[in-house]
Every structure is written in C-alpha cells, then in structure tokens.
Amino acid sequence: MKKSVEEDVFIPLYPKSTVEDKSSLRSKFQERRFWSAVKLLSNVVLWDGIVQEDKVRDLGLSKLLNRYLLLNILNTPIGPDNIEKCNKVVACLPERWFQDVKGGSTLPELLNFSQHLLQ
C-alpha cells in the first residue's frame, strides 16, 4: 500500500484557467487522477482493523489526503464539484476514528481539510 501511495499517485496541478473548461484534456486527466486517488484512499482505509490504525491513518490521511487530494480540492472552485469531492473523501473515513473526538475538534491529520469544509 505504501508503495502505491508513494509511487502510483500523481495528480497534476494546472492553472485554474486551464482546467475551468471541463471538456479540456488537462481537466479530464486531472479529474481522472483525482478520482483514482480517492479510490485508493477508500481501499487503504478498508485495511483499518487489519493493519495498525496509525499506519492506515498515516497512509490515508497524512500522505494521500494531505499531499494529493487536498491540493486538488483547494484548487477546485467552490460549488457542486467541490462539494462532491469533499463528500466522497468524508465517505471514505471510518466512523470509529471519530468516536473519541470531542465536539468542535477533529483528528490532527484532518485539520486542514476541516478548515476547508468550514469555509
């Protein structure tokens, strides 16, 4: 899993003006790579309970979400596409990770993502 996250994930960052046209090849490629990384996140998280939780959280949240997915989400204009991306990421996260989290706070690895959601 670690090798896949470190070597197989690639989401290019293009200027917003380049990807605003959803029919452009760059925009389509960037979107395919984003959704491929979301699928990998969901697959990594499936190992929770089998592999040590801290390893799964490190790969899924620190590496995949914070290094790759969040950059794309932050560069996606606020609107339906951004909401869909955020919803899909949230849907990947196991509920049990949040059982001991007190109201108004979040997991340390989700701080930047949480701030984006609040905006």
Protein backbone atom coordinates (compact mmCIF):
# COMPACT_ATOMS: atom_id res chain seq x y z
CA MET A 1 0.00 0.00 0.00
CA LYS A 2 2.81 2.36 0.91
CA LYS A 3 4.47 1.79 -2.46
CA SER A 4 1.21 2.52 -4.29
CA VAL A 5 0.69 5.75 -2.38
CA GLU A 6 4.28 6.92 -2.85
CA GLU A 7 4.83 5.81 -6.45
CA ASP A 8 1.48 5.49 -8.22
CA VAL A 9 -0.38 8.63 -7.16
CA PHE A 10 0.04 11.60 -9.46
CA ILE A 11 -2.40 14.48 -9.70
CA PRO A 12 -1.09 17.30 -11.86
CA LEU A 13 -1.83 20.85 -10.81
CA TYR A 14 -2.71 23.09 -13.72
CA PRO A 15 -3.61 26.77 -13.56
CA LYS A 16 -7.31 27.30 -12.83
CA SER A 17 -7.78 28.94 -16.21
CA THR A 18 -6.58 25.73 -17.88
CA VAL A 19 -8.95 23.38 -16.08
CA GLU A 20 -12.03 25.62 -15.92
CA ASP A 21 -13.02 24.16 -19.29
CA LYS A 22 -14.29 20.75 -18.14
CA SER A 23 -14.02 19.41 -21.69
CA SER A 24 -10.27 20.13 -21.97
CA LEU A 25 -7.90 17.18 -21.95
CA ARG A 26 -5.96 18.59 -18.98
CA SER A 27 -9.10 18.98 -16.92
CA LYS A 28 -10.28 15.45 -17.75
CA PHE A 29 -6.87 13.97 -16.95
CA GLN A 30 -6.66 15.82 -13.63
CA GLU A 31 -10.15 14.65 -12.67
CA ARG A 32 -9.38 11.01 -13.55
CA ARG A 33 -6.23 11.12 -11.44
CA PHE A 34 -8.12 12.70 -8.53
CA TRP A 35 -10.85 10.04 -8.55
CA SER A 36 -8.24 7.31 -8.87
CA ALA A 37 -6.58 8.65 -5.71
CA VAL A 38 -9.95 8.76 -3.91
CA LYS A 39 -10.48 5.11 -4.83
CA LEU A 40 -7.04 4.30 -3.45
CA LEU A 41 -7.94 6.17 -0.24
CA SER A 42 -11.08 4.08 0.15
CA ASN A 43 -9.07 0.89 -0.43
CA VAL A 44 -6.38 1.90 2.07
CA VAL A 45 -9.00 2.68 4.71
CA LEU A 46 -10.57 -0.76 4.22
CA TRP A 47 -7.46 -2.17 5.93
CA ASP A 48 -8.40 -0.38 9.16
CA GLY A 49 -8.78 -3.02 11.84
CA ILE A 50 -6.49 -5.41 10.00
CA VAL A 51 -3.39 -3.22 9.79
CA GLN A 52 -2.43 -0.95 12.70
CA GLU A 53 -4.66 2.11 12.77
CA ASP A 54 -1.76 4.57 12.92
CA LYS A 55 -0.29 3.07 9.73
CA VAL A 56 -3.61 3.28 7.90
CA ARG A 57 -4.19 6.86 9.09
CA ASP A 58 -0.66 7.87 8.07
CA LEU A 59 -1.05 6.44 4.56
CA GLY A 60 -4.63 7.52 4.04
CA LEU A 61 -4.73 10.90 5.71
CA SER A 62 -1.20 12.26 6.02
CA LYS A 63 0.02 11.03 2.68
CA LEU A 64 -2.96 10.64 0.33
CA LEU A 65 -5.39 13.24 1.61
CA ASN A 66 -3.00 15.96 2.71
CA ARG A 67 -0.38 15.56 -0.03
CA TYR A 68 -2.56 14.95 -3.06
CA LEU A 69 -6.31 15.15 -2.64
CA LEU A 70 -6.50 18.30 -0.57
CA LEU A 71 -4.43 20.29 -3.07
CA ASN A 72 -6.86 19.40 -5.80
CA ILE A 73 -9.88 20.14 -3.61
CA LEU A 74 -8.48 23.55 -2.67
CA ASN A 75 -7.93 24.36 -6.35
CA THR A 76 -11.47 23.34 -7.31
CA PRO A 77 -13.85 26.31 -7.37
CA ILE A 78 -16.43 26.32 -4.58
CA GLY A 79 -19.58 24.71 -5.96
CA PRO A 80 -21.11 21.33 -6.73
CA ASP A 81 -17.84 19.74 -7.91
CA ASN A 82 -16.01 20.76 -4.75
CA ILE A 83 -18.85 19.53 -2.56
CA GLU A 84 -18.93 16.18 -4.37
CA LYS A 85 -15.18 15.73 -3.88
CA CYS A 86 -15.41 16.57 -0.18
CA ASN A 87 -18.37 14.23 0.30
CA LYS A 88 -16.53 11.33 -1.34
CA VAL A 89 -13.47 11.88 0.86
CA VAL A 90 -15.61 12.05 4.00
CA ALA A 91 -17.46 8.87 2.96
CA CYS A 92 -14.11 7.02 2.96
CA LEU A 93 -13.35 7.79 6.60
CA PRO A 94 -14.28 5.13 9.18
CA GLU A 95 -16.72 6.39 11.82
CA ARG A 96 -14.79 4.68 14.60
CA TRP A 97 -11.87 7.07 14.08
CA PHE A 98 -14.14 9.81 15.44
CA GLN A 99 -15.59 8.03 18.47
CA ASP A 100 -13.17 9.62 20.95
CA VAL A 101 -13.07 13.04 19.27
CA LYS A 102 -14.76 15.72 21.34
CA GLY A 103 -17.26 18.10 19.73
CA GLY A 104 -15.74 21.01 17.87
CA SER A 105 -12.45 19.22 17.22
CA THR A 106 -11.13 16.71 14.71
CA LEU A 107 -8.27 14.33 14.06
CA PRO A 108 -4.94 16.17 13.76
CA GLU A 109 -4.47 14.82 10.21
CA LEU A 110 -7.82 16.32 9.19
CA LEU A 111 -7.23 19.85 10.45
CA ASN A 112 -6.63 21.44 7.01
CA PHE A 113 -9.48 19.50 5.41
CA SER A 114 -11.80 20.52 8.28
CA GLN A 115 -10.84 24.17 7.84
CA HIS A 116 -11.71 23.94 4.15
CA LEU A 117 -15.09 22.40 4.99
CA LEU A 118 -15.81 25.20 7.46
CA GLN A 119 -15.11 27.82 4.81
